[in-house]
mmCIF file of all heavy atoms, coordinates in Angstrom:
data_MODEL
# 
_entry.id   MODEL 
# 
loop_
_atom_site.group_PDB 
_atom_site.id 
_atom_site.type_symbol 
_atom_site.label_atom_id 
_atom_site.label_alt_id 
_atom_site.label_comp_id 
_atom_site.label_asym_id 
_atom_site.label_entity_id 
_atom_site.label_seq_id 
_atom_site.pdbx_PDB_ins_code 
_atom_site.Cartn_x 
_atom_site.Cartn_y 
_atom_site.Cartn_z 
_atom_site.occupancy 
_atom_site.B_iso_or_equiv 
_atom_site.pdbx_formal_charge 
_atom_site.auth_seq_id 
_atom_site.auth_comp_id 
_atom_site.auth_asym_id 
_atom_site.auth_atom_id 
_atom_site.pdbx_PDB_model_num 
ATOM 1   N N   . LYS A 1 1  ? 81.662 101.767 107.075 1.00 0.00 ? 1  LYS A N   1 
ATOM 2   C CA  . LYS A 1 1  ? 82.760 102.738 106.926 1.00 0.00 ? 1  LYS A CA  1 
ATOM 3   C C   . LYS A 1 1  ? 84.001 102.178 106.343 1.00 0.00 ? 1  LYS A C   1 
ATOM 4   O O   . LYS A 1 1  ? 84.583 102.731 105.483 1.00 0.00 ? 1  LYS A O   1 
ATOM 5   C CB  . LYS A 1 1  ? 83.007 103.397 108.336 1.00 0.00 ? 1  LYS A CB  1 
ATOM 6   C CG  . LYS A 1 1  ? 84.066 104.494 108.265 1.00 0.00 ? 1  LYS A CG  1 
ATOM 7   C CD  . LYS A 1 1  ? 84.183 105.144 109.626 1.00 0.00 ? 1  LYS A CD  1 
ATOM 8   C CE  . LYS A 1 1  ? 85.186 106.328 109.565 1.00 0.00 ? 1  LYS A CE  1 
ATOM 9   N NZ  . LYS A 1 1  ? 85.280 106.995 110.883 1.00 0.00 ? 1  LYS A NZ  1 
ATOM 10  N N   . TYR A 1 2  ? 84.446 100.958 106.894 1.00 0.00 ? 2  TYR A N   1 
ATOM 11  C CA  . TYR A 1 2  ? 85.749 100.460 106.492 1.00 0.00 ? 2  TYR A CA  1 
ATOM 12  C C   . TYR A 1 2  ? 85.635 99.346  105.448 1.00 0.00 ? 2  TYR A C   1 
ATOM 13  O O   . TYR A 1 2  ? 86.628 98.968  104.856 1.00 0.00 ? 2  TYR A O   1 
ATOM 14  C CB  . TYR A 1 2  ? 86.483 99.890  107.741 1.00 0.00 ? 2  TYR A CB  1 
ATOM 15  C CG  . TYR A 1 2  ? 86.684 100.966 108.779 1.00 0.00 ? 2  TYR A CG  1 
ATOM 16  C CD1 . TYR A 1 2  ? 86.012 100.947 109.999 1.00 0.00 ? 2  TYR A CD1 1 
ATOM 17  C CD2 . TYR A 1 2  ? 87.577 102.040 108.534 1.00 0.00 ? 2  TYR A CD2 1 
ATOM 18  C CE1 . TYR A 1 2  ? 86.221 101.916 110.988 1.00 0.00 ? 2  TYR A CE1 1 
ATOM 19  C CE2 . TYR A 1 2  ? 87.774 103.016 109.546 1.00 0.00 ? 2  TYR A CE2 1 
ATOM 20  C CZ  . TYR A 1 2  ? 87.145 102.971 110.697 1.00 0.00 ? 2  TYR A CZ  1 
ATOM 21  O OH  . TYR A 1 2  ? 87.292 103.932 111.653 1.00 0.00 ? 2  TYR A OH  1 
ATOM 22  N N   . LYS A 1 3  ? 84.479 98.728  105.283 1.00 0.00 ? 3  LYS A N   1 
ATOM 23  C CA  . LYS A 1 3  ? 84.201 97.729  104.257 1.00 0.00 ? 3  LYS A CA  1 
ATOM 24  C C   . LYS A 1 3  ? 85.123 96.483  104.425 1.00 0.00 ? 3  LYS A C   1 
ATOM 25  O O   . LYS A 1 3  ? 85.863 96.105  103.509 1.00 0.00 ? 3  LYS A O   1 
ATOM 26  C CB  . LYS A 1 3  ? 84.403 98.346  102.888 1.00 0.00 ? 3  LYS A CB  1 
ATOM 27  C CG  . LYS A 1 3  ? 83.432 99.467  102.618 1.00 0.00 ? 3  LYS A CG  1 
ATOM 28  C CD  . LYS A 1 3  ? 83.472 99.968  101.189 1.00 0.00 ? 3  LYS A CD  1 
ATOM 29  C CE  . LYS A 1 3  ? 82.507 101.063 100.883 1.00 0.00 ? 3  LYS A CE  1 
ATOM 30  N NZ  . LYS A 1 3  ? 81.613 101.531 101.947 1.00 0.00 ? 3  LYS A NZ  1 
ATOM 31  N N   . PRO A 1 4  ? 84.995 95.785  105.556 1.00 0.00 ? 4  PRO A N   1 
ATOM 32  C CA  . PRO A 1 4  ? 85.723 94.515  105.766 1.00 0.00 ? 4  PRO A CA  1 
ATOM 33  C C   . PRO A 1 4  ? 85.130 93.454  104.839 1.00 0.00 ? 4  PRO A C   1 
ATOM 34  O O   . PRO A 1 4  ? 83.995 93.447  104.494 1.00 0.00 ? 4  PRO A O   1 
ATOM 35  C CB  . PRO A 1 4  ? 85.461 94.188  107.194 1.00 0.00 ? 4  PRO A CB  1 
ATOM 36  C CG  . PRO A 1 4  ? 84.149 94.815  107.537 1.00 0.00 ? 4  PRO A CG  1 
ATOM 37  C CD  . PRO A 1 4  ? 84.154 96.094  106.728 1.00 0.00 ? 4  PRO A CD  1 
ATOM 38  N N   . THR A 1 5  ? 86.039 92.489  104.466 1.00 0.00 ? 5  THR A N   1 
ATOM 39  C CA  . THR A 1 5  ? 85.603 91.368  103.630 1.00 0.00 ? 5  THR A CA  1 
ATOM 40  C C   . THR A 1 5  ? 85.210 90.145  104.479 1.00 0.00 ? 5  THR A C   1 
ATOM 41  O O   . THR A 1 5  ? 84.440 89.290  104.006 1.00 0.00 ? 5  THR A O   1 
ATOM 42  C CB  . THR A 1 5  ? 86.691 90.968  102.661 1.00 0.00 ? 5  THR A CB  1 
ATOM 43  O OG1 . THR A 1 5  ? 87.976 90.989  103.310 1.00 0.00 ? 5  THR A OG1 1 
ATOM 44  C CG2 . THR A 1 5  ? 86.765 91.994  101.529 1.00 0.00 ? 5  THR A CG2 1 
ATOM 45  N N   . TYR A 1 6  ? 85.776 90.040  105.672 1.00 0.00 ? 6  TYR A N   1 
ATOM 46  C CA  . TYR A 1 6  ? 85.476 88.896  106.543 1.00 0.00 ? 6  TYR A CA  1 
ATOM 47  C C   . TYR A 1 6  ? 85.233 89.420  107.971 1.00 0.00 ? 6  TYR A C   1 
ATOM 48  O O   . TYR A 1 6  ? 85.749 90.476  108.418 1.00 0.00 ? 6  TYR A O   1 
ATOM 49  C CB  . TYR A 1 6  ? 86.628 87.884  106.590 1.00 0.00 ? 6  TYR A CB  1 
ATOM 50  C CG  . TYR A 1 6  ? 86.780 87.083  105.331 1.00 0.00 ? 6  TYR A CG  1 
ATOM 51  C CD1 . TYR A 1 6  ? 87.516 87.535  104.240 1.00 0.00 ? 6  TYR A CD1 1 
ATOM 52  C CD2 . TYR A 1 6  ? 86.159 85.828  105.228 1.00 0.00 ? 6  TYR A CD2 1 
ATOM 53  C CE1 . TYR A 1 6  ? 87.659 86.762  103.078 1.00 0.00 ? 6  TYR A CE1 1 
ATOM 54  C CE2 . TYR A 1 6  ? 86.281 85.094  104.074 1.00 0.00 ? 6  TYR A CE2 1 
ATOM 55  C CZ  . TYR A 1 6  ? 87.048 85.565  103.015 1.00 0.00 ? 6  TYR A CZ  1 
ATOM 56  O OH  . TYR A 1 6  ? 87.152 84.793  101.848 1.00 0.00 ? 6  TYR A OH  1 
ATOM 57  N N   . LEU A 1 7  ? 84.466 88.569  108.698 1.00 0.00 ? 7  LEU A N   1 
ATOM 58  C CA  . LEU A 1 7  ? 84.195 88.850  110.119 1.00 0.00 ? 7  LEU A CA  1 
ATOM 59  C C   . LEU A 1 7  ? 84.656 87.656  110.923 1.00 0.00 ? 7  LEU A C   1 
ATOM 60  O O   . LEU A 1 7  ? 84.651 86.539  110.422 1.00 0.00 ? 7  LEU A O   1 
ATOM 61  C CB  . LEU A 1 7  ? 82.694 89.000  110.416 1.00 0.00 ? 7  LEU A CB  1 
ATOM 62  C CG  . LEU A 1 7  ? 81.909 90.015  109.506 1.00 0.00 ? 7  LEU A CG  1 
ATOM 63  C CD1 . LEU A 1 7  ? 80.389 89.935  109.821 1.00 0.00 ? 7  LEU A CD1 1 
ATOM 64  C CD2 . LEU A 1 7  ? 82.417 91.435  109.610 1.00 0.00 ? 7  LEU A CD2 1 
ATOM 65  N N   . ILE A 1 8  ? 85.125 87.882  112.142 1.00 0.00 ? 8  ILE A N   1 
ATOM 66  C CA  . ILE A 1 8  ? 85.443 86.813  113.097 1.00 0.00 ? 8  ILE A CA  1 
ATOM 67  C C   . ILE A 1 8  ? 84.452 87.018  114.266 1.00 0.00 ? 8  ILE A C   1 
ATOM 68  O O   . ILE A 1 8  ? 84.512 88.005  114.968 1.00 0.00 ? 8  ILE A O   1 
ATOM 69  C CB  . ILE A 1 8  ? 86.846 86.837  113.598 1.00 0.00 ? 8  ILE A CB  1 
ATOM 70  C CG1 . ILE A 1 8  ? 87.797 86.681  112.441 1.00 0.00 ? 8  ILE A CG1 1 
ATOM 71  C CG2 . ILE A 1 8  ? 87.096 85.725  114.590 1.00 0.00 ? 8  ILE A CG2 1 
ATOM 72  C CD1 . ILE A 1 8  ? 89.289 86.801  112.796 1.00 0.00 ? 8  ILE A CD1 1 
ATOM 73  N N   . THR A 1 9  ? 83.537 86.038  114.490 1.00 0.00 ? 9  THR A N   1 
ATOM 74  C CA  . THR A 1 9  ? 82.447 86.286  115.407 1.00 0.00 ? 9  THR A CA  1 
ATOM 75  C C   . THR A 1 9  ? 81.845 84.999  115.926 1.00 0.00 ? 9  THR A C   1 
ATOM 76  O O   . THR A 1 9  ? 81.985 83.893  115.328 1.00 0.00 ? 9  THR A O   1 
ATOM 77  C CB  . THR A 1 9  ? 81.353 87.134  114.674 1.00 0.00 ? 9  THR A CB  1 
ATOM 78  O OG1 . THR A 1 9  ? 80.310 87.387  115.567 1.00 0.00 ? 9  THR A OG1 1 
ATOM 79  C CG2 . THR A 1 9  ? 80.784 86.362  113.515 1.00 0.00 ? 9  THR A CG2 1 
ATOM 80  N N   . VAL A 1 10 ? 81.100 85.072  117.035 1.00 0.00 ? 10 VAL A N   1 
ATOM 81  C CA  . VAL A 1 10 ? 80.200 83.990  117.461 1.00 0.00 ? 10 VAL A CA  1 
ATOM 82  C C   . VAL A 1 10 ? 79.020 84.019  116.520 1.00 0.00 ? 10 VAL A C   1 
ATOM 83  O O   . VAL A 1 10 ? 78.415 85.061  116.320 1.00 0.00 ? 10 VAL A O   1 
ATOM 84  C CB  . VAL A 1 10 ? 79.701 84.258  118.899 1.00 0.00 ? 10 VAL A CB  1 
ATOM 85  C CG1 . VAL A 1 10 ? 78.705 83.239  119.355 1.00 0.00 ? 10 VAL A CG1 1 
ATOM 86  C CG2 . VAL A 1 10 ? 80.963 84.294  119.881 1.00 0.00 ? 10 VAL A CG2 1 
ATOM 87  N N   . PRO A 1 11 ? 78.685 82.897  115.880 1.00 0.00 ? 11 PRO A N   1 
ATOM 88  C CA  . PRO A 1 11 ? 77.672 82.924  114.801 1.00 0.00 ? 11 PRO A CA  1 
ATOM 89  C C   . PRO A 1 11 ? 76.303 83.403  115.220 1.00 0.00 ? 11 PRO A C   1 
ATOM 90  O O   . PRO A 1 11 ? 75.646 84.075  114.477 1.00 0.00 ? 11 PRO A O   1 
ATOM 91  C CB  . PRO A 1 11 ? 77.637 81.455  114.294 1.00 0.00 ? 11 PRO A CB  1 
ATOM 92  C CG  . PRO A 1 11 ? 78.299 80.685  115.347 1.00 0.00 ? 11 PRO A CG  1 
ATOM 93  C CD  . PRO A 1 11 ? 79.301 81.559  116.005 1.00 0.00 ? 11 PRO A CD  1 
ATOM 94  N N   . SER A 1 12 ? 75.876 83.056  116.455 1.00 0.00 ? 12 SER A N   1 
ATOM 95  C CA  . SER A 1 12 ? 74.562 83.505  116.867 1.00 0.00 ? 12 SER A CA  1 
ATOM 96  C C   . SER A 1 12 ? 74.424 85.037  116.891 1.00 0.00 ? 12 SER A C   1 
ATOM 97  O O   . SER A 1 12 ? 73.340 85.566  116.754 1.00 0.00 ? 12 SER A O   1 
ATOM 98  C CB  . SER A 1 12 ? 74.214 82.940  118.270 1.00 0.00 ? 12 SER A CB  1 
ATOM 99  O OG  . SER A 1 12 ? 75.142 83.344  119.205 1.00 0.00 ? 12 SER A OG  1 
ATOM 100 N N   . PHE A 1 13 ? 75.539 85.724  117.045 1.00 0.00 ? 13 PHE A N   1 
ATOM 101 C CA  . PHE A 1 13 ? 75.507 87.178  117.025 1.00 0.00 ? 13 PHE A CA  1 
ATOM 102 C C   . PHE A 1 13 ? 75.180 87.718  115.664 1.00 0.00 ? 13 PHE A C   1 
ATOM 103 O O   . PHE A 1 13 ? 74.642 88.834  115.537 1.00 0.00 ? 13 PHE A O   1 
ATOM 104 C CB  . PHE A 1 13 ? 76.829 87.782  117.525 1.00 0.00 ? 13 PHE A CB  1 
ATOM 105 C CG  . PHE A 1 13 ? 76.844 89.249  117.697 1.00 0.00 ? 13 PHE A CG  1 
ATOM 106 C CD1 . PHE A 1 13 ? 76.097 89.860  118.683 1.00 0.00 ? 13 PHE A CD1 1 
ATOM 107 C CD2 . PHE A 1 13 ? 77.512 90.030  116.760 1.00 0.00 ? 13 PHE A CD2 1 
ATOM 108 C CE1 . PHE A 1 13 ? 76.070 91.248  118.768 1.00 0.00 ? 13 PHE A CE1 1 
ATOM 109 C CE2 . PHE A 1 13 ? 77.484 91.416  116.854 1.00 0.00 ? 13 PHE A CE2 1 
ATOM 110 C CZ  . PHE A 1 13 ? 76.785 92.031  117.899 1.00 0.00 ? 13 PHE A CZ  1 
ATOM 111 N N   . LEU A 1 14 ? 75.476 86.958  114.631 1.00 0.00 ? 14 LEU A N   1 
ATOM 112 C CA  . LEU A 1 14 ? 75.126 87.394  113.283 1.00 0.00 ? 14 LEU A CA  1 
ATOM 113 C C   . LEU A 1 14 ? 73.624 87.516  113.093 1.00 0.00 ? 14 LEU A C   1 
ATOM 114 O O   . LEU A 1 14 ? 73.155 88.336  112.308 1.00 0.00 ? 14 LEU A O   1 
ATOM 115 C CB  . LEU A 1 14 ? 75.665 86.411  112.254 1.00 0.00 ? 14 LEU A CB  1 
ATOM 116 C CG  . LEU A 1 14 ? 77.225 86.351  112.106 1.00 0.00 ? 14 LEU A CG  1 
ATOM 117 C CD1 . LEU A 1 14 ? 77.636 85.246  111.150 1.00 0.00 ? 14 LEU A CD1 1 
ATOM 118 C CD2 . LEU A 1 14 ? 77.749 87.682  111.665 1.00 0.00 ? 14 LEU A CD2 1 
ATOM 119 N N   . LEU A 1 15 ? 72.827 86.746  113.896 1.00 0.00 ? 15 LEU A N   1 
ATOM 120 C CA  . LEU A 1 15 ? 71.404 86.916  113.839 1.00 0.00 ? 15 LEU A CA  1 
ATOM 121 C C   . LEU A 1 15 ? 71.001 88.263  114.388 1.00 0.00 ? 15 LEU A C   1 
ATOM 122 O O   . LEU A 1 15 ? 70.036 88.885  113.848 1.00 0.00 ? 15 LEU A O   1 
ATOM 123 C CB  . LEU A 1 15 ? 70.715 85.808  114.634 1.00 0.00 ? 15 LEU A CB  1 
ATOM 124 C CG  . LEU A 1 15 ? 70.857 84.377  114.100 1.00 0.00 ? 15 LEU A CG  1 
ATOM 125 C CD1 . LEU A 1 15 ? 70.225 83.368  115.023 1.00 0.00 ? 15 LEU A CD1 1 
ATOM 126 C CD2 . LEU A 1 15 ? 70.272 84.261  112.694 1.00 0.00 ? 15 LEU A CD2 1 
ATOM 127 N N   . LYS A 1 16 ? 71.680 88.763  115.408 1.00 0.00 ? 16 LYS A N   1 
ATOM 128 C CA  . LYS A 1 16 ? 71.412 90.086  115.922 1.00 0.00 ? 16 LYS A CA  1 
ATOM 129 C C   . LYS A 1 16 ? 71.834 91.169  114.958 1.00 0.00 ? 16 LYS A C   1 
ATOM 130 O O   . LYS A 1 16 ? 71.189 92.233  114.813 1.00 0.00 ? 16 LYS A O   1 
ATOM 131 C CB  . LYS A 1 16 ? 72.130 90.297  117.259 1.00 0.00 ? 16 LYS A CB  1 
ATOM 132 C CG  . LYS A 1 16 ? 71.636 89.395  118.405 1.00 0.00 ? 16 LYS A CG  1 
ATOM 133 C CD  . LYS A 1 16 ? 72.267 89.748  119.695 1.00 0.00 ? 16 LYS A CD  1 
ATOM 134 C CE  . LYS A 1 16 ? 71.814 88.854  120.814 1.00 0.00 ? 16 LYS A CE  1 
ATOM 135 N NZ  . LYS A 1 16 ? 70.340 89.040  121.067 1.00 0.00 ? 16 LYS A NZ  1 
ATOM 136 N N   . MET A 1 17 ? 72.918 90.864  114.195 1.00 0.00 ? 17 MET A N   1 
ATOM 137 C CA  . MET A 1 17 ? 73.358 91.793  113.161 1.00 0.00 ? 17 MET A CA  1 
ATOM 138 C C   . MET A 1 17 ? 72.282 91.884  112.057 1.00 0.00 ? 17 MET A C   1 
ATOM 139 O O   . MET A 1 17 ? 71.986 92.974  111.531 1.00 0.00 ? 17 MET A O   1 
ATOM 140 C CB  . MET A 1 17 ? 74.683 91.292  112.602 1.00 0.00 ? 17 MET A CB  1 
ATOM 141 C CG  . MET A 1 17 ? 75.825 91.321  113.525 1.00 0.00 ? 17 MET A CG  1 
ATOM 142 S SD  . MET A 1 17 ? 76.542 92.979  113.726 1.00 0.00 ? 17 MET A SD  1 
ATOM 143 C CE  . MET A 1 17 ? 77.305 93.187  112.072 1.00 0.00 ? 17 MET A CE  1 
ATOM 144 N N   . ILE A 1 18 ? 71.738 90.749  111.695 1.00 0.00 ? 18 ILE A N   1 
ATOM 145 C CA  . ILE A 1 18 ? 70.724 90.746  110.652 1.00 0.00 ? 18 ILE A CA  1 
ATOM 146 C C   . ILE A 1 18 ? 69.459 91.444  111.149 1.00 0.00 ? 18 ILE A C   1 
ATOM 147 O O   . ILE A 1 18 ? 68.873 92.276  110.426 1.00 0.00 ? 18 ILE A O   1 
ATOM 148 C CB  . ILE A 1 18 ? 70.354 89.289  110.283 1.00 0.00 ? 18 ILE A CB  1 
ATOM 149 C CG1 . ILE A 1 18 ? 71.539 88.608  109.563 1.00 0.00 ? 18 ILE A CG1 1 
ATOM 150 C CG2 . ILE A 1 18 ? 69.089 89.195  109.398 1.00 0.00 ? 18 ILE A CG2 1 
ATOM 151 C CD1 . ILE A 1 18 ? 71.408 87.118  109.402 1.00 0.00 ? 18 ILE A CD1 1 
ATOM 152 N N   . GLU A 1 19 ? 69.076 91.234  112.361 1.00 0.00 ? 19 GLU A N   1 
ATOM 153 C CA  . GLU A 1 19 ? 67.859 91.896  112.957 1.00 0.00 ? 19 GLU A CA  1 
ATOM 154 C C   . GLU A 1 19 ? 68.013 93.404  112.974 1.00 0.00 ? 19 GLU A C   1 
ATOM 155 O O   . GLU A 1 19 ? 67.146 94.163  112.587 1.00 0.00 ? 19 GLU A O   1 
ATOM 156 C CB  . GLU A 1 19 ? 67.623 91.389  114.324 1.00 0.00 ? 19 GLU A CB  1 
ATOM 157 C CG  . GLU A 1 19 ? 66.407 91.927  115.048 1.00 0.00 ? 19 GLU A CG  1 
ATOM 158 C CD  . GLU A 1 19 ? 66.256 91.441  116.497 1.00 0.00 ? 19 GLU A CD  1 
ATOM 159 O OE1 . GLU A 1 19 ? 67.136 90.738  116.953 1.00 0.00 ? 19 GLU A OE1 1 
ATOM 160 O OE2 . GLU A 1 19 ? 65.202 91.769  117.102 1.00 0.00 ? 19 GLU A OE2 1 
ATOM 161 N N   . TYR A 1 20 ? 69.226 93.867  113.385 1.00 0.00 ? 20 TYR A N   1 
ATOM 162 C CA  . TYR A 1 20 ? 69.510 95.290  113.429 1.00 0.00 ? 20 TYR A CA  1 
ATOM 163 C C   . TYR A 1 20 ? 69.471 95.884  112.022 1.00 0.00 ? 20 TYR A C   1 
ATOM 164 O O   . TYR A 1 20 ? 68.899 96.936  111.802 1.00 0.00 ? 20 TYR A O   1 
ATOM 165 C CB  . TYR A 1 20 ? 70.871 95.558  114.043 1.00 0.00 ? 20 TYR A CB  1 
ATOM 166 C CG  . TYR A 1 20 ? 71.212 97.037  114.161 1.00 0.00 ? 20 TYR A CG  1 
ATOM 167 C CD1 . TYR A 1 20 ? 70.846 97.750  115.293 1.00 0.00 ? 20 TYR A CD1 1 
ATOM 168 C CD2 . TYR A 1 20 ? 71.879 97.699  113.126 1.00 0.00 ? 20 TYR A CD2 1 
ATOM 169 C CE1 . TYR A 1 20 ? 71.129 99.118  115.454 1.00 0.00 ? 20 TYR A CE1 1 
ATOM 170 C CE2 . TYR A 1 20 ? 72.127 99.094  113.224 1.00 0.00 ? 20 TYR A CE2 1 
ATOM 171 C CZ  . TYR A 1 20 ? 71.778 99.748  114.382 1.00 0.00 ? 20 TYR A CZ  1 
ATOM 172 O OH  . TYR A 1 20 ? 72.032 101.118 114.480 1.00 0.00 ? 20 TYR A OH  1 
ATOM 173 N N   . ALA A 1 21 ? 70.048 95.156  111.056 1.00 0.00 ? 21 ALA A N   1 
ATOM 174 C CA  . ALA A 1 21 ? 70.087 95.667  109.680 1.00 0.00 ? 21 ALA A CA  1 
ATOM 175 C C   . ALA A 1 21 ? 68.627 95.793  109.136 1.00 0.00 ? 21 ALA A C   1 
ATOM 176 O O   . ALA A 1 21 ? 68.319 96.785  108.453 1.00 0.00 ? 21 ALA A O   1 
ATOM 177 C CB  . ALA A 1 21 ? 70.909 94.743  108.824 1.00 0.00 ? 21 ALA A CB  1 
ATOM 178 N N   . GLU A 1 22 ? 67.782 94.805  109.429 1.00 0.00 ? 22 GLU A N   1 
ATOM 179 C CA  . GLU A 1 22 ? 66.427 94.891  108.950 1.00 0.00 ? 22 GLU A CA  1 
ATOM 180 C C   . GLU A 1 22 ? 65.668 96.034  109.580 1.00 0.00 ? 22 GLU A C   1 
ATOM 181 O O   . GLU A 1 22 ? 64.859 96.728  108.878 1.00 0.00 ? 22 GLU A O   1 
ATOM 182 C CB  . GLU A 1 22 ? 65.715 93.536  109.264 1.00 0.00 ? 22 GLU A CB  1 
ATOM 183 C CG  . GLU A 1 22 ? 66.250 92.397  108.425 1.00 0.00 ? 22 GLU A CG  1 
ATOM 184 C CD  . GLU A 1 22 ? 65.636 91.064  108.846 1.00 0.00 ? 22 GLU A CD  1 
ATOM 185 O OE1 . GLU A 1 22 ? 65.094 90.961  109.953 1.00 0.00 ? 22 GLU A OE1 1 
ATOM 186 O OE2 . GLU A 1 22 ? 65.669 90.124  108.017 1.00 0.00 ? 22 GLU A OE2 1 
ATOM 187 N N   . GLN A 1 23 ? 65.979 96.293  110.806 1.00 0.00 ? 23 GLN A N   1 
ATOM 188 C CA  . GLN A 1 23 ? 65.236 97.425  111.509 1.00 0.00 ? 23 GLN A CA  1 
ATOM 189 C C   . GLN A 1 23 ? 65.706 98.780  111.058 1.00 0.00 ? 23 GLN A C   1 
ATOM 190 O O   . GLN A 1 23 ? 65.015 99.786  111.218 1.00 0.00 ? 23 GLN A O   1 
ATOM 191 C CB  . GLN A 1 23 ? 65.441 97.287  113.031 1.00 0.00 ? 23 GLN A CB  1 
ATOM 192 C CG  . GLN A 1 23 ? 64.757 96.081  113.634 1.00 0.00 ? 23 GLN A CG  1 
ATOM 193 C CD  . GLN A 1 23 ? 65.130 95.879  115.092 1.00 0.00 ? 23 GLN A CD  1 
ATOM 194 O OE1 . GLN A 1 23 ? 66.072 96.516  115.622 1.00 0.00 ? 23 GLN A OE1 1 
ATOM 195 N NE2 . GLN A 1 23 ? 64.456 94.939  115.793 1.00 0.00 ? 23 GLN A NE2 1 
ATOM 196 N N   . HIS A 1 24 ? 66.948 98.876  110.479 1.00 0.00 ? 24 HIS A N   1 
ATOM 197 C CA  . HIS A 1 24 ? 67.515 100.164 110.086 1.00 0.00 ? 24 HIS A CA  1 
ATOM 198 C C   . HIS A 1 24 ? 67.755 100.227 108.603 1.00 0.00 ? 24 HIS A C   1 
ATOM 199 O O   . HIS A 1 24 ? 68.561 101.046 108.129 1.00 0.00 ? 24 HIS A O   1 
ATOM 200 C CB  . HIS A 1 24 ? 68.797 100.381 110.891 1.00 0.00 ? 24 HIS A CB  1 
ATOM 201 C CG  . HIS A 1 24 ? 68.574 100.539 112.400 1.00 0.00 ? 24 HIS A CG  1 
ATOM 202 N ND1 . HIS A 1 24 ? 68.453 99.465  113.219 1.00 0.00 ? 24 HIS A ND1 1 
ATOM 203 C CD2 . HIS A 1 24 ? 68.488 101.679 113.153 1.00 0.00 ? 24 HIS A CD2 1 
ATOM 204 C CE1 . HIS A 1 24 ? 68.290 99.922  114.437 1.00 0.00 ? 24 HIS A CE1 1 
ATOM 205 N NE2 . HIS A 1 24 ? 68.261 101.269 114.428 1.00 0.00 ? 24 HIS A NE2 1 
ATOM 206 N N   . ASN A 1 25 ? 67.073 99.379  107.861 1.00 0.00 ? 25 ASN A N   1 
ATOM 207 C CA  . ASN A 1 25 ? 67.104 99.482  106.360 1.00 0.00 ? 25 ASN A CA  1 
ATOM 208 C C   . ASN A 1 25 ? 68.530 99.377  105.815 1.00 0.00 ? 25 ASN A C   1 
ATOM 209 O O   . ASN A 1 25 ? 68.859 100.098 104.847 1.00 0.00 ? 25 ASN A O   1 
ATOM 210 C CB  . ASN A 1 25 ? 66.443 100.762 105.915 1.00 0.00 ? 25 ASN A CB  1 
ATOM 211 C CG  . ASN A 1 25 ? 64.941 100.801 106.287 1.00 0.00 ? 25 ASN A CG  1 
ATOM 212 O OD1 . ASN A 1 25 ? 64.238 99.793  106.132 1.00 0.00 ? 25 ASN A OD1 1 
ATOM 213 N ND2 . ASN A 1 25 ? 64.549 101.930 106.821 1.00 0.00 ? 25 ASN A ND2 1 
ATOM 214 N N   . ILE A 1 26 ? 69.344 98.486  106.361 1.00 0.00 ? 26 ILE A N   1 
ATOM 215 C CA  . ILE A 1 26 ? 70.659 98.247  105.839 1.00 0.00 ? 26 ILE A CA  1 
ATOM 216 C C   . ILE A 1 26 ? 70.594 97.054  104.909 1.00 0.00 ? 26 ILE A C   1 
ATOM 217 O O   . ILE A 1 26 ? 70.076 95.972  105.299 1.00 0.00 ? 26 ILE A O   1 
ATOM 218 C CB  . ILE A 1 26 ? 71.675 97.930  106.969 1.00 0.00 ? 26 ILE A CB  1 
ATOM 219 C CG1 . ILE A 1 26 ? 71.828 99.164  107.865 1.00 0.00 ? 26 ILE A CG1 1 
ATOM 220 C CG2 . ILE A 1 26 ? 73.041 97.573  106.396 1.00 0.00 ? 26 ILE A CG2 1 
ATOM 221 C CD1 . ILE A 1 26 ? 72.632 98.934  109.137 1.00 0.00 ? 26 ILE A CD1 1 
ATOM 222 N N   . ASP A 1 27 ? 71.029 97.229  103.643 1.00 0.00 ? 27 ASP A N   1 
ATOM 223 C CA  . ASP A 1 27 ? 71.038 96.135  102.715 1.00 0.00 ? 27 ASP A CA  1 
ATOM 224 C C   . ASP A 1 27 ? 72.247 95.218  102.966 1.00 0.00 ? 27 ASP A C   1 
ATOM 225 O O   . ASP A 1 27 ? 73.319 95.451  102.444 1.00 0.00 ? 27 ASP A O   1 
ATOM 226 C CB  . ASP A 1 27 ? 71.090 96.712  101.293 1.00 0.00 ? 27 ASP A CB  1 
ATOM 227 C CG  . ASP A 1 27 ? 70.898 95.615  100.217 1.00 0.00 ? 27 ASP A CG  1 
ATOM 228 O OD1 . ASP A 1 27 ? 70.879 94.422  100.568 1.00 0.00 ? 27 ASP A OD1 1 
ATOM 229 O OD2 . ASP A 1 27 ? 70.876 95.998  99.015  1.00 0.00 ? 27 ASP A OD2 1 
ATOM 230 N N   . ILE A 1 28 ? 72.000 94.172  103.717 1.00 0.00 ? 28 ILE A N   1 
ATOM 231 C CA  . ILE A 1 28 ? 73.132 93.333  104.159 1.00 0.00 ? 28 ILE A CA  1 
ATOM 232 C C   . ILE A 1 28 ? 73.791 92.651  102.961 1.00 0.00 ? 28 ILE A C   1 
ATOM 233 O O   . ILE A 1 28 ? 75.050 92.413  103.003 1.00 0.00 ? 28 ILE A O   1 
ATOM 234 C CB  . ILE A 1 28 ? 72.735 92.287  105.223 1.00 0.00 ? 28 ILE A CB  1 
ATOM 235 C CG1 . ILE A 1 28 ? 71.636 91.379  104.697 1.00 0.00 ? 28 ILE A CG1 1 
ATOM 236 C CG2 . ILE A 1 28 ? 72.305 92.996  106.493 1.00 0.00 ? 28 ILE A CG2 1 
ATOM 237 C CD1 . ILE A 1 28 ? 71.210 90.316  105.690 1.00 0.00 ? 28 ILE A CD1 1 
ATOM 238 N N   . ASN A 1 29 ? 73.012 92.302  101.942 1.00 0.00 ? 29 ASN A N   1 
ATOM 239 C CA  . ASN A 1 29 ? 73.586 91.609  100.806 1.00 0.00 ? 29 ASN A CA  1 
ATOM 240 C C   . ASN A 1 29 ? 74.285 92.536  99.804  1.00 0.00 ? 29 ASN A C   1 
ATOM 241 O O   . ASN A 1 29 ? 74.749 92.064  98.753  1.00 0.00 ? 29 ASN A O   1 
ATOM 242 C CB  . ASN A 1 29 ? 72.555 90.710  100.135 1.00 0.00 ? 29 ASN A CB  1 
ATOM 243 C CG  . ASN A 1 29 ? 72.193 89.514  101.001 1.00 0.00 ? 29 ASN A CG  1 
ATOM 244 O OD1 . ASN A 1 29 ? 73.082 88.817  101.453 1.00 0.00 ? 29 ASN A OD1 1 
ATOM 245 N ND2 . ASN A 1 29 ? 70.937 89.305  101.263 1.00 0.00 ? 29 ASN A ND2 1 
# 
């Protein structure tokens, strides 16, 4: 919705973000 350019996060959580994107057909790249 907002199109951020950077994230501030615990890196292991990015793996959950990737998993969710794959399950919901979100083109992360």
